[in-house]
Amino acid sequence: MAAPYLHLTVAIVAEVVATSFLKHSDGLSRPGPTLAVVLGYAVAFYFLSLALRTVPVGMAYAIWSGAGIVLVSLAGWVLFRQAIDAAGLLGIGLILAGVVVMNVFSKSGGH
């Protein structure tokens, strides 16, 4: 994997971790989870900025947000026992399909 996409992967994982800790922060009132939120988002934006050195912003943001939506939805299902119905699963599948299409077929990417 090229360095920009490794940076983007780290940004996505950090954002998913930070977003998951938002649930535990109780409105940012609990210090430990709040620190995890702040650090997670700081890492996410730092690595996103590294990826943006070479990956076009539209492509990077589409991948970052699409993968983030899918992973946060899965984290909600696994960690917080939040239900995902058929429509939700279809939407997640469409988001994944969109990210794949952009990466495999689009000529606008930095790959």
N, C-alpha and C. Protein backbone atom coordinates (compact mmCIF):
# COMPACT_ATOMS: atom_id res chain seq x y z
N MET A 1 0.86 -1.18 0.00
CA MET A 1 0.00 0.00 0.00
C MET A 1 0.90 1.23 0.00
N ALA A 2 0.61 2.17 -0.87
CA ALA A 2 1.39 3.40 -0.96
C ALA A 2 1.19 4.22 0.31
N ALA A 3 2.21 4.99 0.63
CA ALA A 3 2.19 5.79 1.87
C ALA A 3 0.95 6.67 2.01
N PRO A 4 0.48 7.36 0.96
CA PRO A 4 -0.71 8.20 1.16
C PRO A 4 -1.94 7.40 1.58
N TYR A 5 -2.08 6.19 1.06
CA TYR A 5 -3.24 5.38 1.42
C TYR A 5 -3.04 4.73 2.78
N LEU A 6 -1.82 4.52 3.18
CA LEU A 6 -1.55 4.07 4.56
C LEU A 6 -1.92 5.20 5.53
N HIS A 7 -1.53 6.43 5.18
CA HIS A 7 -1.90 7.59 6.01
C HIS A 7 -3.42 7.72 6.09
N LEU A 8 -4.10 7.52 4.97
CA LEU A 8 -5.55 7.61 4.96
C LEU A 8 -6.18 6.51 5.81
N THR A 9 -5.61 5.33 5.78
CA THR A 9 -6.10 4.22 6.60
C THR A 9 -5.96 4.54 8.09
N VAL A 10 -4.81 5.08 8.47
CA VAL A 10 -4.60 5.46 9.88
C VAL A 10 -5.61 6.54 10.27
N ALA A 11 -5.85 7.50 9.38
CA ALA A 11 -6.82 8.57 9.66
C ALA A 11 -8.21 7.99 9.87
N ILE A 12 -8.59 7.02 9.05
CA ILE A 12 -9.91 6.41 9.17
C ILE A 12 -10.05 5.67 10.49
N VAL A 13 -9.06 4.87 10.82
CA VAL A 13 -9.12 4.09 12.07
C VAL A 13 -9.16 5.02 13.28
N ALA A 14 -8.34 6.07 13.28
CA ALA A 14 -8.32 7.01 14.40
C ALA A 14 -9.66 7.73 14.54
N GLU A 15 -10.28 8.07 13.42
CA GLU A 15 -11.57 8.75 13.45
C GLU A 15 -12.65 7.82 13.99
N VAL A 16 -12.61 6.55 13.60
CA VAL A 16 -13.59 5.58 14.09
C VAL A 16 -13.43 5.37 15.59
N VAL A 17 -12.20 5.27 16.06
CA VAL A 17 -11.94 5.12 17.50
C VAL A 17 -12.45 6.36 18.25
N ALA A 18 -12.13 7.55 17.74
CA ALA A 18 -12.56 8.79 18.40
C ALA A 18 -14.09 8.89 18.44
N THR A 19 -14.73 8.58 17.34
CA THR A 19 -16.18 8.64 17.29
C THR A 19 -16.81 7.63 18.24
N SER A 20 -16.22 6.46 18.34
CA SER A 20 -16.73 5.44 19.27
C SER A 20 -16.61 5.90 20.70
N PHE A 21 -15.53 6.61 21.02
CA PHE A 21 -15.37 7.13 22.39
C PHE A 21 -16.33 8.27 22.70
N LEU A 22 -16.87 8.94 21.67
CA LEU A 22 -17.86 9.98 21.94
C LEU A 22 -19.04 9.42 22.73
N LYS A 23 -19.43 8.20 22.40
CA LYS A 23 -20.55 7.56 23.11
C LYS A 23 -20.23 7.43 24.61
N HIS A 24 -18.98 7.10 24.92
CA HIS A 24 -18.58 6.90 26.31
C HIS A 24 -18.26 8.21 27.04
N SER A 25 -18.11 9.30 26.30
CA SER A 25 -17.69 10.55 26.93
C SER A 25 -18.81 11.27 27.67
N ASP A 26 -20.06 10.84 27.45
CA ASP A 26 -21.22 11.45 28.10
C ASP A 26 -21.23 12.96 27.90
N GLY A 27 -21.26 13.34 26.61
CA GLY A 27 -21.28 14.77 26.29
C GLY A 27 -19.97 15.47 26.60
N LEU A 28 -18.87 14.76 26.47
CA LEU A 28 -17.52 15.25 26.76
C LEU A 28 -17.35 15.63 28.24
N SER A 29 -18.13 14.99 29.12
CA SER A 29 -18.05 15.31 30.54
C SER A 29 -17.16 14.33 31.32
N ARG A 30 -16.79 13.21 30.71
CA ARG A 30 -15.92 12.24 31.37
C ARG A 30 -14.51 12.40 30.83
N PRO A 31 -13.52 12.70 31.68
CA PRO A 31 -12.17 13.04 31.23
C PRO A 31 -11.47 11.97 30.38
N GLY A 32 -11.51 10.72 30.78
CA GLY A 32 -10.79 9.68 30.05
C GLY A 32 -11.30 9.51 28.62
N PRO A 33 -12.59 9.25 28.45
CA PRO A 33 -13.11 9.13 27.09
C PRO A 33 -12.98 10.43 26.28
N THR A 34 -13.11 11.57 26.94
CA THR A 34 -12.95 12.84 26.24
C THR A 34 -11.53 13.00 25.71
N LEU A 35 -10.55 12.61 26.50
CA LEU A 35 -9.16 12.66 26.04
C LEU A 35 -8.97 11.74 24.83
N ALA A 36 -9.57 10.56 24.86
CA ALA A 36 -9.49 9.64 23.72
C ALA A 36 -10.13 10.25 22.47
N VAL A 37 -11.23 10.97 22.64
CA VAL A 37 -11.89 11.64 21.52
C VAL A 37 -10.95 12.69 20.91
N VAL A 38 -10.41 13.55 21.76
CA VAL A 38 -9.55 14.64 21.29
C VAL A 38 -8.29 14.09 20.61
N LEU A 39 -7.65 13.12 21.24
CA LEU A 39 -6.43 12.53 20.65
C LEU A 39 -6.76 11.79 19.36
N GLY A 40 -7.86 11.06 19.35
CA GLY A 40 -8.24 10.32 18.15
C GLY A 40 -8.49 11.24 16.97
N TYR A 41 -9.23 12.31 17.20
CA TYR A 41 -9.49 13.25 16.10
C TYR A 41 -8.21 13.99 15.69
N ALA A 42 -7.34 14.30 16.64
CA ALA A 42 -6.07 14.96 16.29
C ALA A 42 -5.24 14.04 15.39
N VAL A 43 -5.14 12.78 15.74
CA VAL A 43 -4.40 11.81 14.92
C VAL A 43 -5.08 11.68 13.56
N ALA A 44 -6.40 11.60 13.55
CA ALA A 44 -7.14 11.44 12.29
C ALA A 44 -6.88 12.60 11.34
N PHE A 45 -6.99 13.82 11.84
CA PHE A 45 -6.80 14.97 10.97
C PHE A 45 -5.34 15.14 10.55
N TYR A 46 -4.41 14.79 11.43
CA TYR A 46 -3.00 14.85 11.05
C TYR A 46 -2.71 13.90 9.89
N PHE A 47 -3.14 12.64 10.03
CA PHE A 47 -2.87 11.67 8.98
C PHE A 47 -3.68 11.96 7.71
N LEU A 48 -4.88 12.51 7.86
CA LEU A 48 -5.62 12.93 6.68
C LEU A 48 -4.86 14.03 5.94
N SER A 49 -4.27 14.95 6.69
CA SER A 49 -3.50 16.02 6.05
C SER A 49 -2.29 15.48 5.31
N LEU A 50 -1.68 14.42 5.85
CA LEU A 50 -0.55 13.79 5.14
C LEU A 50 -1.02 13.15 3.85
N ALA A 51 -2.15 12.47 3.90
CA ALA A 51 -2.69 11.83 2.70
C ALA A 51 -3.02 12.87 1.63
N LEU A 52 -3.49 14.03 2.05
CA LEU A 52 -3.90 15.08 1.11
C LEU A 52 -2.72 15.72 0.37
N ARG A 53 -1.51 15.38 0.75
CA ARG A 53 -0.35 15.87 -0.01
C ARG A 53 -0.39 15.33 -1.43
N THR A 54 -0.91 14.13 -1.62
CA THR A 54 -0.92 13.52 -2.95
C THR A 54 -2.30 13.04 -3.41
N VAL A 55 -3.16 12.66 -2.50
CA VAL A 55 -4.50 12.18 -2.88
C VAL A 55 -5.41 13.39 -3.03
N PRO A 56 -6.14 13.49 -4.15
CA PRO A 56 -7.06 14.63 -4.32
C PRO A 56 -8.06 14.69 -3.16
N VAL A 57 -8.39 15.90 -2.75
CA VAL A 57 -9.22 16.09 -1.56
C VAL A 57 -10.59 15.42 -1.69
N GLY A 58 -11.20 15.49 -2.84
CA GLY A 58 -12.51 14.87 -3.03
C GLY A 58 -12.44 13.36 -2.88
N MET A 59 -11.43 12.77 -3.47
CA MET A 59 -11.24 11.32 -3.39
C MET A 59 -10.94 10.91 -1.94
N ALA A 60 -10.01 11.61 -1.30
CA ALA A 60 -9.62 11.27 0.07
C ALA A 60 -10.81 11.41 1.01
N TYR A 61 -11.57 12.48 0.87
CA TYR A 61 -12.69 12.69 1.78
C TYR A 61 -13.79 11.67 1.54
N ALA A 62 -14.02 11.31 0.30
CA ALA A 62 -15.04 10.30 0.00
C ALA A 62 -14.66 8.96 0.62
N ILE A 63 -13.40 8.58 0.49
CA ILE A 63 -12.94 7.32 1.08
C ILE A 63 -12.99 7.40 2.60
N TRP A 64 -12.49 8.50 3.16
CA TRP A 64 -12.43 8.69 4.61
C TRP A 64 -13.83 8.66 5.22
N SER A 65 -14.73 9.43 4.65
CA SER A 65 -16.07 9.49 5.23
C SER A 65 -16.86 8.21 4.96
N GLY A 66 -16.74 7.65 3.77
CA GLY A 66 -17.45 6.41 3.46
C GLY A 66 -17.01 5.26 4.33
N ALA A 67 -15.71 5.06 4.41
CA ALA A 67 -15.19 3.98 5.26
C ALA A 67 -15.53 4.26 6.72
N GLY A 68 -15.47 5.52 7.13
CA GLY A 68 -15.80 5.88 8.51
C GLY A 68 -17.25 5.56 8.85
N ILE A 69 -18.16 5.87 7.93
CA ILE A 69 -19.58 5.58 8.15
C ILE A 69 -19.79 4.08 8.34
N VAL A 70 -19.18 3.31 7.45
CA VAL A 70 -19.34 1.85 7.52
C VAL A 70 -18.77 1.31 8.82
N LEU A 71 -17.55 1.72 9.16
CA LEU A 71 -16.89 1.19 10.35
C LEU A 71 -17.56 1.66 11.65
N VAL A 72 -18.01 2.90 11.70
CA VAL A 72 -18.71 3.38 12.90
C VAL A 72 -20.05 2.65 13.04
N SER A 73 -20.72 2.40 11.94
CA SER A 73 -21.97 1.62 12.01
C SER A 73 -21.70 0.22 12.55
N LEU A 74 -20.65 -0.40 12.07
CA LEU A 74 -20.29 -1.73 12.57
C LEU A 74 -19.87 -1.69 14.04
N ALA A 75 -19.14 -0.64 14.42
CA ALA A 75 -18.74 -0.49 15.83
C ALA A 75 -19.98 -0.32 16.70
N GLY A 76 -20.95 0.45 16.25
CA GLY A 76 -22.18 0.61 17.00
C GLY A 76 -22.91 -0.71 17.18
N TRP A 77 -22.89 -1.53 16.15
CA TRP A 77 -23.55 -2.83 16.20
C TRP A 77 -22.82 -3.77 17.15
N VAL A 78 -21.48 -3.82 17.06
CA VAL A 78 -20.69 -4.75 17.86
C VAL A 78 -20.54 -4.26 19.31
N LEU A 79 -20.15 -3.00 19.49
CA LEU A 79 -19.81 -2.50 20.82
C LEU A 79 -21.03 -2.06 21.63
N PHE A 80 -22.02 -1.49 20.95
CA PHE A 80 -23.14 -0.89 21.66
C PHE A 80 -24.46 -1.61 21.41
N ARG A 81 -24.40 -2.74 20.70
CA ARG A 81 -25.59 -3.56 20.42
C ARG A 81 -26.69 -2.77 19.71
N GLN A 82 -26.28 -1.82 18.84
CA GLN A 82 -27.26 -1.04 18.09
C GLN A 82 -27.67 -1.83 16.85
N ALA A 83 -28.96 -1.94 16.66
CA ALA A 83 -29.48 -2.73 15.55
C ALA A 83 -29.23 -2.05 14.20
N ILE A 84 -28.99 -2.86 13.18
CA ILE A 84 -28.92 -2.38 11.81
C ILE A 84 -29.96 -3.18 11.02
N ASP A 85 -30.95 -2.48 10.48
CA ASP A 85 -32.00 -3.18 9.74
C ASP A 85 -31.58 -3.38 8.28
N ALA A 86 -32.47 -3.97 7.51
CA ALA A 86 -32.16 -4.29 6.11
C ALA A 86 -31.82 -3.03 5.30
N ALA A 87 -32.57 -1.97 5.53
CA ALA A 87 -32.29 -0.72 4.81
C ALA A 87 -30.91 -0.17 5.18
N GLY A 88 -30.56 -0.29 6.46
CA GLY A 88 -29.24 0.15 6.90
C GLY A 88 -28.14 -0.68 6.27
N LEU A 89 -28.34 -1.98 6.22
CA LEU A 89 -27.36 -2.86 5.58
C LEU A 89 -27.22 -2.55 4.09
N LEU A 90 -28.33 -2.28 3.43
CA LEU A 90 -28.29 -1.91 2.03
C LEU A 90 -27.50 -0.61 1.84
N GLY A 91 -27.78 0.36 2.68
CA GLY A 91 -27.05 1.63 2.61
C GLY A 91 -25.56 1.45 2.82
N ILE A 92 -25.19 0.64 3.80
CA ILE A 92 -23.78 0.36 4.06
C ILE A 92 -23.15 -0.31 2.84
N GLY A 93 -23.88 -1.25 2.25
CA GLY A 93 -23.38 -1.92 1.04
C GLY A 93 -23.19 -0.95 -0.11
N LEU A 94 -24.11 0.00 -0.26
CA LEU A 94 -23.97 0.99 -1.33
C LEU A 94 -22.79 1.92 -1.09
N ILE A 95 -22.57 2.29 0.16
CA ILE A 95 -21.41 3.12 0.49
C ILE A 95 -20.12 2.38 0.16
N LEU A 96 -20.04 1.11 0.58
CA LEU A 96 -18.86 0.30 0.26
C LEU A 96 -18.67 0.18 -1.24
N ALA A 97 -19.75 -0.05 -1.97
CA ALA A 97 -19.67 -0.16 -3.42
C ALA A 97 -19.15 1.15 -4.02
N GLY A 98 -19.61 2.27 -3.52
CA GLY A 98 -19.15 3.56 -4.01
C GLY A 98 -17.67 3.78 -3.78
N VAL A 99 -17.19 3.40 -2.61
CA VAL A 99 -15.76 3.55 -2.32
C VAL A 99 -14.94 2.65 -3.24
N VAL A 100 -15.41 1.44 -3.47
CA VAL A 100 -14.70 0.52 -4.36
C VAL A 100 -14.69 1.06 -5.79
N VAL A 101 -15.83 1.52 -6.28
CA VAL A 101 -15.91 2.06 -7.64
C VAL A 101 -14.96 3.25 -7.80
N MET A 102 -14.94 4.13 -6.82
CA MET A 102 -14.05 5.30 -6.90
C MET A 102 -12.59 4.86 -6.95
N ASN A 103 -12.23 3.87 -6.17
CA ASN A 103 -10.83 3.44 -6.11
C ASN A 103 -10.41 2.61 -7.31
N VAL A 104 -11.30 1.80 -7.82
CA VAL A 104 -10.94 0.88 -8.90
C VAL A 104 -11.12 1.53 -10.28
N PHE A 105 -12.18 2.30 -10.47
CA PHE A 105 -12.51 2.76 -11.81
C PHE A 105 -12.28 4.25 -12.05
N SER A 106 -12.20 5.07 -11.02
CA SER A 106 -12.07 6.51 -11.22
C SER A 106 -10.66 6.89 -11.63
N LYS A 107 -10.57 7.79 -12.59
CA LYS A 107 -9.27 8.31 -13.01
C LYS A 107 -8.88 9.56 -12.22
N SER A 108 -9.76 10.00 -11.31
CA SER A 108 -9.48 11.22 -10.55
C SER A 108 -8.68 10.95 -9.29
N GLY A 109 -8.44 9.69 -8.96
CA GLY A 109 -7.68 9.33 -7.76
C GLY A 109 -6.20 9.58 -7.93
N GLY A 110 -5.51 9.58 -6.81
CA GLY A 110 -4.07 9.79 -6.81
C GLY A 110 -3.30 8.51 -6.91
N HIS A 111 -3.88 7.45 -7.46
CA HIS A 111 -3.19 6.17 -7.55
C HIS A 111 -2.77 5.84 -8.96
